[in-house]
C-alpha atoms as a PDB file:
ATOM      1  CA  MET A   1     -14.856   7.389  20.570  1.00  0.00           C
ATOM      2  CA  THR A   2     -16.388   7.723  17.096  1.00  0.00           C
ATOM      3  CA  SER A   3     -15.001  10.338  14.766  1.00  0.00           C
ATOM      4  CA  ASP A   4     -16.878  11.973  11.926  1.00  0.00           C
ATOM      5  CA  SER A   5     -14.105  12.398   9.449  1.00  0.00           C
ATOM      6  CA  LEU A   6     -10.917  10.625   8.637  1.00  0.00           C
ATOM      7  CA  ALA A   7      -7.929  11.816   6.293  1.00  0.00           C
ATOM      8  CA  LEU A   8      -6.283   8.816   4.869  1.00  0.00           C
ATOM      9  CA  VAL A   9      -2.794  10.041   3.891  1.00  0.00           C
ATOM     10  CA  GLY A  10      -0.462   8.461   1.519  1.00  0.00           C
ATOM     11  CA  ALA A  11       3.068   8.393   2.725  1.00  0.00           C
ATOM     12  CA  ALA A  12       4.243   8.291  -0.987  1.00  0.00           C
ATOM     13  CA  GLY A  13       2.475   7.990  -4.266  1.00  0.00           C
ATOM     14  CA  GLY A  14       0.995   4.670  -5.123  1.00  0.00           C
ATOM     15  CA  THR A  15       0.554   3.157  -1.721  1.00  0.00           C
ATOM     16  CA  GLY A  16      -2.963   2.081  -2.307  1.00  0.00           C
ATOM     17  CA  THR A  17      -4.606   5.165  -0.296  1.00  0.00           C
ATOM     18  CA  THR A  18      -7.416   5.613  -2.740  1.00  0.00           C
ATOM     19  CA  ARG A  19      -8.404   1.982  -2.762  1.00  0.00           C
ATOM     20  CA  LEU A  20      -8.280   1.611   0.875  1.00  0.00           C
ATOM     21  CA  THR A  21     -10.454   4.695   1.235  1.00  0.00           C
ATOM     22  CA  LEU A  22     -13.049   3.340  -1.122  1.00  0.00           C
ATOM     23  CA  GLU A  23     -12.964   0.027   0.718  1.00  0.00           C
ATOM     24  CA  CYS A  24     -13.417   1.570   3.904  1.00  0.00           C
ATOM     25  CA  ALA A  25     -16.136   3.732   2.704  1.00  0.00           C
ATOM     26  CA  THR A  26     -17.941   0.789   1.058  1.00  0.00           C
ATOM     27  CA  LEU A  27     -17.697  -1.283   4.339  1.00  0.00           C
ATOM     28  CA  LEU A  28     -19.274   1.621   6.358  1.00  0.00           C
ATOM     29  CA  ALA A  29     -22.197   1.958   3.776  1.00  0.00           C
ATOM     30  CA  ARG A  30     -22.848  -1.788   3.927  1.00  0.00           C
ATOM     31  CA  ASN A  31     -23.089  -1.192   7.759  1.00  0.00           C
ATOM     32  CA  GLY A  32     -25.963   1.387   7.125  1.00  0.00           C
ATOM     33  CA  ARG A  33     -23.769   4.367   7.451  1.00  0.00           C
ATOM     34  CA  ASP A  34     -24.075   7.303   5.085  1.00  0.00           C
ATOM     35  CA  VAL A  35     -20.520   8.170   3.869  1.00  0.00           C
ATOM     36  CA  ALA A  36     -18.992  10.669   1.619  1.00  0.00           C
ATOM     37  CA  VAL A  37     -15.431  10.408   0.172  1.00  0.00           C
ATOM     38  CA  LEU A  38     -13.742  13.675  -0.866  1.00  0.00           C
ATOM     39  CA  ASP A  39     -10.626  13.759  -3.210  1.00  0.00           C
ATOM     40  CA  ALA A  40      -7.665  15.760  -2.173  1.00  0.00           C
ATOM     41  CA  ALA A  41      -5.298  14.009  -4.384  1.00  0.00           C
ATOM     42  CA  TYR A  42      -5.483  16.386  -7.174  1.00  0.00           C
ATOM     43  CA  ALA A  43      -2.341  15.375  -8.967  1.00  0.00           C
ATOM     44  CA  THR A  44      -3.182  11.689  -9.674  1.00  0.00           C
ATOM     45  CA  GLN A  45      -7.141  11.988  -9.779  1.00  0.00           C
ATOM     46  CA  GLY A  46      -7.288   8.334  -8.805  1.00  0.00           C
ATOM     47  CA  LEU A  47     -10.706   8.645  -7.269  1.00  0.00           C
ATOM     48  CA  ALA A  48     -11.977   9.670 -10.656  1.00  0.00           C
ATOM     49  CA  ASP A  49     -10.631   6.519 -12.350  1.00  0.00           C
ATOM     50  CA  HIS A  50     -12.941   4.728  -9.915  1.00  0.00           C
ATOM     51  CA  THR A  51     -16.068   6.867 -10.706  1.00  0.00           C
ATOM     52  CA  PRO A  52     -17.691   6.130 -14.147  1.00  0.00           C
ATOM     53  CA  GLY A  53     -19.819   8.753 -15.747  1.00  0.00           C
ATOM     54  CA  ARG A  54     -19.862  12.429 -15.675  1.00  0.00           C
ATOM     55  CA  ILE A  55     -17.915  14.392 -12.892  1.00  0.00           C
ATOM     56  CA  GLU A  56     -19.037  17.919 -13.142  1.00  0.00           C
ATOM     57  CA  PRO A  57     -18.427  20.068 -10.991  1.00  0.00           C
ATOM     58  CA  ASP A  58     -15.425  18.167  -9.504  1.00  0.00           C
ATOM     59  CA  MET A  59     -13.709  18.603  -6.142  1.00  0.00           C
ATOM     60  CA  THR A  60     -11.486  21.297  -7.515  1.00  0.00           C
ATOM     61  CA  ALA A  61     -14.596  23.427  -8.813  1.00  0.00           C
ATOM     62  CA  ALA A  62     -16.248  22.934  -5.413  1.00  0.00           C
ATOM     63  CA  CYS A  63     -13.248  24.734  -3.910  1.00  0.00           C
ATOM     64  CA  ILE A  64     -12.639  27.303  -6.666  1.00  0.00           C
ATOM     65  CA  ASP A  65     -16.170  28.338  -7.430  1.00  0.00           C
ATOM     66  CA  ASP A  66     -17.511  27.804  -3.942  1.00  0.00           C
ATOM     67  CA  VAL A  67     -19.963  25.160  -5.254  1.00  0.00           C
ATOM     68  CA  PRO A  68     -21.762  23.629  -2.267  1.00  0.00           C
ATOM     69  CA  ILE A  69     -20.549  19.902  -1.651  1.00  0.00           C
ATOM     70  CA  ARG A  70     -24.037  18.531  -2.327  1.00  0.00           C
ATOM     71  CA  ASP A  71     -23.846  19.653  -5.927  1.00  0.00           C
ATOM     72  CA  ALA A  72     -20.379  18.030  -6.622  1.00  0.00           C
ATOM     73  CA  LEU A  73     -21.171  14.403  -5.065  1.00  0.00           C
ATOM     74  CA  VAL A  74     -21.774  11.433  -7.150  1.00  0.00           C
ATOM     75  CA  ASP A  75     -23.600   8.521  -5.689  1.00  0.00           C
ATOM     76  CA  ARG A  76     -22.055   5.049  -5.990  1.00  0.00           C
ATOM     77  CA  ASP A  77     -24.324   2.403  -7.148  1.00  0.00           C
ATOM     78  CA  ILE A  78     -23.562  -0.300  -4.559  1.00  0.00           C
ATOM     79  CA  GLU A  79     -25.677  -2.791  -2.546  1.00  0.00           C
ATOM     80  CA  ALA A  80     -25.891  -1.242   0.842  1.00  0.00           C
ATOM     81  CA  ALA A  81     -28.080  -0.064   3.627  1.00  0.00           C
ATOM     82  CA  GLY A  82     -26.370   3.309   3.763  1.00  0.00           C
ATOM     83  CA  ARG A  83     -25.388   5.940   1.172  1.00  0.00           C
ATOM     84  CA  LEU A  84     -21.960   6.192  -0.530  1.00  0.00           C
ATOM     85  CA  ALA A  85     -21.162   9.439  -2.435  1.00  0.00           C
ATOM     86  CA  VAL A  86     -17.778  10.578  -3.793  1.00  0.00           C
ATOM     87  CA  CYS A  87     -16.438  13.920  -4.978  1.00  0.00           C
ATOM     88  CA  PRO A  88     -13.329  13.171  -7.274  1.00  0.00           C
ATOM     89  CA  ALA A  89     -10.980  15.686  -8.605  1.00  0.00           C
ATOM     90  CA  ARG A  90     -10.898  15.554 -12.671  1.00  0.00           C
ATOM     91  CA  ALA A  91      -9.739  18.848 -14.061  1.00  0.00           C
ATOM     92  CA  PRO A  92      -7.054  20.363 -16.410  1.00  0.00           C
ATOM     93  CA  PHE A  93      -3.792  21.421 -15.099  1.00  0.00           C
ATOM     94  CA  GLU A  94      -4.644  25.273 -14.806  1.00  0.00           C
ATOM     95  CA  GLN A  95      -7.759  24.589 -12.594  1.00  0.00           C
ATOM     96  CA  LEU A  96      -5.704  22.067 -10.708  1.00  0.00           C
ATOM     97  CA  ALA A  97      -3.241  24.758 -10.001  1.00  0.00           C
ATOM     98  CA  ARG A  98      -5.782  27.214  -8.786  1.00  0.00           C
ATOM     99  CA  ALA A  99      -7.275  24.515  -6.597  1.00  0.00           C
ATOM    100  CA  LYS A 100      -4.084  24.413  -4.662  1.00  0.00           C
ATOM    101  CA  THR A 101      -3.838  28.114  -3.450  1.00  0.00           C
ATOM    102  CA  PRO A 102      -4.435  28.877   0.282  1.00  0.00           C
ATOM    103  CA  GLU A 103      -7.809  30.379  -0.605  1.00  0.00           C
ATOM    104  CA  ALA A 104      -8.881  27.248  -2.273  1.00  0.00           C
ATOM    105  CA  ALA A 105      -7.533  24.993   0.671  1.00  0.00           C
ATOM    106  CA  GLU A 106      -9.839  27.186   3.020  1.00  0.00           C
ATOM    107  CA  ALA A 107     -12.775  26.262   0.832  1.00  0.00           C
ATOM    108  CA  PHE A 108     -11.722  22.585   0.960  1.00  0.00           C
ATOM    109  CA  GLU A 109     -12.041  22.824   4.736  1.00  0.00           C
ATOM    110  CA  ARG A 110     -15.592  24.410   4.281  1.00  0.00           C
ATOM    111  CA  ARG A 111     -16.620  21.547   1.857  1.00  0.00           C
ATOM    112  CA  LEU A 112     -15.294  19.106   4.317  1.00  0.00           C
ATOM    113  CA  ASP A 113     -17.349  20.655   7.232  1.00  0.00           C
ATOM    114  CA  GLU A 114     -20.460  20.810   4.983  1.00  0.00           C
ATOM    115  CA  ALA A 115     -20.087  16.936   4.432  1.00  0.00           C
ATOM    116  CA  THR A 116     -19.633  16.102   8.036  1.00  0.00           C
ATOM    117  CA  ARG A 117     -22.945  17.853   8.694  1.00  0.00           C
ATOM    118  CA  ALA A 118     -24.844  15.705   5.876  1.00  0.00           C
ATOM    119  CA  PHE A 119     -23.174  12.376   6.451  1.00  0.00           C
ATOM    120  CA  ASP A 120     -22.443  10.155   9.174  1.00  0.00           C
ATOM    121  CA  HIS A 121     -18.731   9.825   8.282  1.00  0.00           C
ATOM    122  CA  VAL A 122     -16.374  11.719   5.692  1.00  0.00           C
ATOM    123  CA  LEU A 123     -13.320   9.964   4.323  1.00  0.00           C
ATOM    124  CA  VAL A 124     -10.629  11.991   2.560  1.00  0.00           C
ATOM    125  CA  ASP A 125      -8.228  10.532   0.043  1.00  0.00           C
ATOM    126  CA  THR A 126      -5.213  12.635   0.830  1.00  0.00           C
ATOM    127  CA  PRO A 127      -1.896  12.681  -0.964  1.00  0.00           C
ATOM    128  CA  PRO A 128       1.451  13.018   0.556  1.00  0.00           C
ATOM    129  CA  VAL A 129       1.305  16.305   2.633  1.00  0.00           C
ATOM    130  CA  ALA A 130       3.129  18.475   0.196  1.00  0.00           C
ATOM    131  CA  ALA A 131       0.503  20.950  -1.073  1.00  0.00           C
ATOM    132  CA  ASN A 132      -2.221  23.234   0.602  1.00  0.00           C
ATOM    133  CA  GLN A 133      -5.301  20.959   0.089  1.00  0.00           C
ATOM    134  CA  ALA A 134      -3.449  18.128   1.602  1.00  0.00           C
ATOM    135  CA  VAL A 135      -2.460  20.160   4.734  1.00  0.00           C
ATOM    136  CA  ALA A 136      -6.209  21.482   4.926  1.00  0.00           C
ATOM    137  CA  ALA A 137      -7.426  17.837   4.628  1.00  0.00           C
ATOM    138  CA  ALA A 138      -5.212  16.679   7.446  1.00  0.00           C
ATOM    139  CA  ASN A 139      -5.964  19.666   9.658  1.00  0.00           C
ATOM    140  CA  ALA A 140      -9.798  19.746   9.112  1.00  0.00           C
ATOM    141  CA  ALA A 141     -10.403  16.099   9.683  1.00  0.00           C
ATOM    142  CA  ASP A 142     -11.075  14.741  13.103  1.00  0.00           C
ATOM    143  CA  ARG A 143      -8.503  11.921  12.656  1.00  0.00           C
ATOM    144  CA  VAL A 144      -5.628  11.149  10.418  1.00  0.00           C
ATOM    145  CA  ALA A 145      -4.181   7.723   9.384  1.00  0.00           C
ATOM    146  CA  ILE A 146      -1.058   7.475   7.371  1.00  0.00           C
ATOM    147  CA  VAL A 147      -1.061   4.796   4.600  1.00  0.00           C
ATOM    148  CA  CYS A 148       2.019   3.113   2.975  1.00  0.00           C
ATOM    149  CA  ASP A 149       2.933   0.161   1.105  1.00  0.00           C
ATOM    150  CA  GLU A 150       5.223  -2.551   2.757  1.00  0.00           C
ATOM    151  CA  GLY A 151       8.142  -1.850   0.377  1.00  0.00           C
ATOM    152  CA  ARG A 152       8.422   1.791   1.320  1.00  0.00           C
ATOM    153  CA  ALA A 153       7.221   2.042   4.863  1.00  0.00           C
ATOM    154  CA  MET A 154      10.350   1.971   6.843  1.00  0.00           C
ATOM    155  CA  ASP A 155      11.675   5.085   5.212  1.00  0.00           C
ATOM    156  CA  ALA A 156       8.378   6.913   4.109  1.00  0.00           C
ATOM    157  CA  VAL A 157       6.377   6.480   7.322  1.00  0.00           C
ATOM    158  CA  PRO A 158       8.629   8.254   9.870  1.00  0.00           C
ATOM    159  CA  ARG A 159       8.979  11.001   7.257  1.00  0.00           C
ATOM    160  CA  MET A 160       5.276  11.540   7.000  1.00  0.00           C
ATOM    161  CA  ARG A 161       4.785  11.333  10.717  1.00  0.00           C
ATOM    162  CA  ASP A 162       7.432  14.226  11.112  1.00  0.00           C
ATOM    163  CA  ARG A 163       5.574  16.296   8.339  1.00  0.00           C
ATOM    164  CA  LEU A 164       2.073  15.871   9.814  1.00  0.00           C
ATOM    165  CA  GLU A 165       3.623  16.872  13.163  1.00  0.00           C
ATOM    166  CA  ASP A 166       5.004  19.857  11.442  1.00  0.00           C
ATOM    167  CA  VAL A 167       1.633  21.082  10.027  1.00  0.00           C
ATOM    168  CA  GLY A 168      -0.026  20.411  13.339  1.00  0.00           C
ATOM    169  CA  ALA A 169      -2.130  17.291  12.441  1.00  0.00           C
ATOM    170  CA  PRO A 170      -0.275  14.294  14.010  1.00  0.00           C
ATOM    171  CA  ALA A 171      -1.273  10.765  12.856  1.00  0.00           C
ATOM    172  CA  ASP A 172      -3.644   8.748  14.936  1.00  0.00           C
ATOM    173  CA  ALA A 173      -2.668   5.505  12.958  1.00  0.00           C
ATOM    174  CA  THR A 174      -0.433   4.001  10.516  1.00  0.00           C
ATOM    175  CA  VAL A 175      -1.758   1.505   7.843  1.00  0.00           C
ATOM    176  CA  VAL A 176       0.764  -0.662   5.965  1.00  0.00           C
ATOM    177  CA  THR A 177      -0.718  -2.154   2.787  1.00  0.00           C
ATOM    178  CA  HIS A 178       0.252  -5.469   0.750  1.00  0.00           C
ATOM    179  CA  THR A 179       1.234  -7.398   3.930  1.00  0.00           C
ATOM    180  CA  ALA A 180      -0.053  -9.117   7.037  1.00  0.00           C
ATOM    181  CA  ASP A 181       2.759  -7.868   9.346  1.00  0.00           C
ATOM    182  CA  HIS A 182       5.080  -4.988   9.832  1.00  0.00           C
ATOM    183  CA  PRO A 183       6.937  -3.374  12.567  1.00  0.00           C
ATOM    184  CA  ASP A 184       5.929   0.200  11.539  1.00  0.00           C
ATOM    185  CA  ALA A 185       2.141  -0.567  11.256  1.00  0.00           C
ATOM    186  CA  ASP A 186      -0.502  -0.134  13.734  1.00  0.00           C
ATOM    187  CA  LEU A 187      -2.627  -1.973  11.244  1.00  0.00           C
ATOM    188  CA  THR A 188      -2.025  -4.096   8.001  1.00  0.00           C
ATOM    189  CA  VAL A 189      -4.183  -4.668   4.957  1.00  0.00           C
ATOM    190  CA  PRO A 190      -3.455  -7.505   2.562  1.00  0.00           C
ATOM    191  CA  THR A 191      -3.032  -7.187  -1.181  1.00  0.00           C
ATOM    192  CA  PHE A 192      -6.507  -7.069  -2.786  1.00  0.00           C
ATOM    193  CA  GLU A 193      -6.962  -9.982  -4.959  1.00  0.00           C
ATOM    194  CA  THR A 194     -10.408  -9.037  -6.289  1.00  0.00           C
ATOM    195  CA  ASP A 195     -11.836  -5.970  -7.921  1.00  0.00           C
ATOM    196  CA  SER A 196     -13.185  -3.128  -6.075  1.00  0.00           C
ATOM    197  CA  PRO A 197     -14.951  -3.380  -3.707  1.00  0.00           C
ATOM    198  CA  ALA A 198     -13.023  -6.254  -2.222  1.00  0.00           C
ATOM    199  CA  VAL A 199     -14.939  -6.024   1.019  1.00  0.00           C
ATOM    200  CA  THR A 200     -18.072  -7.388  -0.588  1.00  0.00           C
ATOM    201  CA  ALA A 201     -16.335 -10.647  -1.673  1.00  0.00           C
ATOM    202  CA  ASP A 202     -13.151 -11.238   0.491  1.00  0.00           C
ATOM    203  CA  GLY A 203     -13.689 -12.031   4.282  1.00  0.00           C
ATOM    204  CA  THR A 204      -9.949 -11.496   4.891  1.00  0.00           C
ATOM    205  CA  VAL A 205      -9.819  -8.074   3.472  1.00  0.00           C
ATOM    206  CA  ARG A 206     -13.235  -7.178   5.062  1.00  0.00           C
ATOM    207  CA  GLU A 207     -11.874  -8.026   8.626  1.00  0.00           C
ATOM    208  CA  ALA A 208      -8.656  -6.081   7.906  1.00  0.00           C
ATOM    209  CA  VAL A 209     -10.722  -3.113   6.768  1.00  0.00           C
ATOM    210  CA  ALA A 210     -13.019  -3.423   9.691  1.00  0.00           C
ATOM    211  CA  GLU A 211      -9.850  -3.102  12.098  1.00  0.00           C
ATOM    212  CA  VAL A 212      -8.805   0.095  10.083  1.00  0.00           C
ATOM    213  CA  LEU A 213     -12.156   1.485  10.870  1.00  0.00           C
ATOM    214  CA  GLU A 214     -12.229   0.571  14.620  1.00  0.00           C
ATOM    215  CA  THR A 215      -8.686   2.016  15.167  1.00  0.00           C
ATOM    216  CA  ALA A 216      -8.671   4.925  12.769  1.00  0.00           C
ATOM    217  CA  LEU A 217     -12.067   6.155  12.915  1.00  0.00           C
ATOM    218  CA  GLY A 218     -13.575   4.522  16.137  1.00  0.00           C
ATOM    219  CA  VAL A 219     -16.396   2.748  14.513  1.00  0.00           C
ATOM    220  CA  GLU A 220     -17.105  -1.145  15.031  1.00  0.00           C
ATOM    221  CA  VAL A 221     -18.490  -2.688  11.858  1.00  0.00           C
ATOM    222  CA  GLU A 222     -20.051  -6.170  11.248  1.00  0.00           C
ATOM    223  CA  VAL A 223     -17.963  -8.403   9.183  1.00  0.00           C
ATOM    224  CA  GLU A 224     -20.124 -11.468   8.824  1.00  0.00           C
ATOM    225  CA  GLU A 225     -21.993 -11.984   5.627  1.00  0.00           C
ATOM    226  CA  GLY A 226     -25.394 -13.387   6.074  1.00  0.00           C
ATOM    227  CA  ASP A 227     -29.016 -12.017   6.189  1.00  0.00           C
ATOM    228  CA  GLY A 228     -27.425  -8.496   6.075  1.00  0.00           C
ATOM    229  CA  LEU A 229     -24.900  -6.455   7.834  1.00  0.00           C
ATOM    230  CA  ARG A 230     -26.100  -4.660  10.885  1.00  0.00           C
ATOM    231  CA  GLU A 231     -25.660  -0.984  11.484  1.00  0.00           C
ATOM    232  CA  ALA A 232     -22.278   0.158  12.612  1.00  0.00           C
ATOM    233  CA  LEU A 233     -22.082   0.725  16.237  1.00  0.00           C
ATOM    234  CA  PRO A 234     -19.626   3.370  18.002  1.00  0.00           C
ATOM    235  CA  PHE A 235     -17.524   1.927  20.861  1.00  0.00           C
END
């Protein structure tokens, strides 16, 4: 069954969640889907690092000031049949603190709902579940996938599974990065050897990301390069 939204939740910091979220979004857009990426990882602001140019208002302002999500999105300039827009977090500490309140987390859920009505799919770059906005992202998204790197998966994945169960958002899939095989993984993604987006240049990465989308989001995408990628089809 195809889902509208997916929260990719890092089991720890630095697991490659932001990069994987963007690679998934890019492959969807190249298959003719309109995709939005929302940033719940306020502390690291990694999505902003992948977004050149001005970011104003950012994701935190959209939640604090009740800004409609359409006014906070930044379109990515990619060669794709679909649209890819992102809403990064880039704000000073005081604003980040206010964006983590329960009231702001409720606004995050509203922004996510707005995005799902405007786009085919919404992906949420979600940090380890330890703050209100991360809980909101996991609860509001249709599906949840845990993302962890190979070196920490044995300890971090079970811990994050338990935490997601505690907040009422059990994981639908587990993705382990930087490997081709892992006993704790439903899916694996190899190390990205090229600059973002790797799905445009690396067939192995493209196939791995397509499997993530099929399992975690319920969307089948074309992985063969040629005269153009066809539109994604739900299965």
